[in-house]
Amino acid sequence: MKRFRRADRGGIALEFAVLLPFILIGSAGLIDVGMEMFLQAELDRGVAAAARVGMTGTSSISAIKSTIESQIQNFLPTSVAGTLETNNTPLTVKTTVYSDFTSAGSNTNGVSGSTGSYGQVVVYTATLNIPTYTGVLGLIGIKNYTLTSSAIVQNEPEHVS
């Protein structure tokens, strides 16, 4: 019995076995947060690209949504990526048209659901609701991400020949 109490062989293996679950959970959580941040950046890029497309004042809402979808498609979890083509899409796109930047800044007198016409100010807002990548963040109550990105542009003036 005395020999058993003095034995210190295997102490490092025991410490490793105790710490390994915490290391793995922490790593998976970091991967999840990193992917969420990356997807937020891609959503921002998609909204900026959609705003550039919409600046002509001649694009439809579906063309705007397609531009954003094409930007983020490759970075979504596979369980979500296929839903972009269906009506159950986790991506919503909203446009609000204002007469000038002052109205847009005060959020008054806006008209939703249009890309506006020449010279008008348009706010493009995309919201993406997706599950976490690894599911590890569910341990602390985070099961879904809701990412939002907005861009505000003034449509090009009408070209007179």
Foldseek 3Di string as FASTA:
>chain_A
DVVVVPDDPCVVVVVCVVCVVVVVLVVLVVVQVVLVVVLLVLLQVQQVVLLVVLLQQPDAPVVSLVSSLVSRLVSAAPVQSVCSVDPVHQKDKKKWKAQDVVCVVVVPPIDIRGSHHAFIKMKIKMWGKAATRPCSCVVVPGGIDIHMYMDIDTHHHDDDD
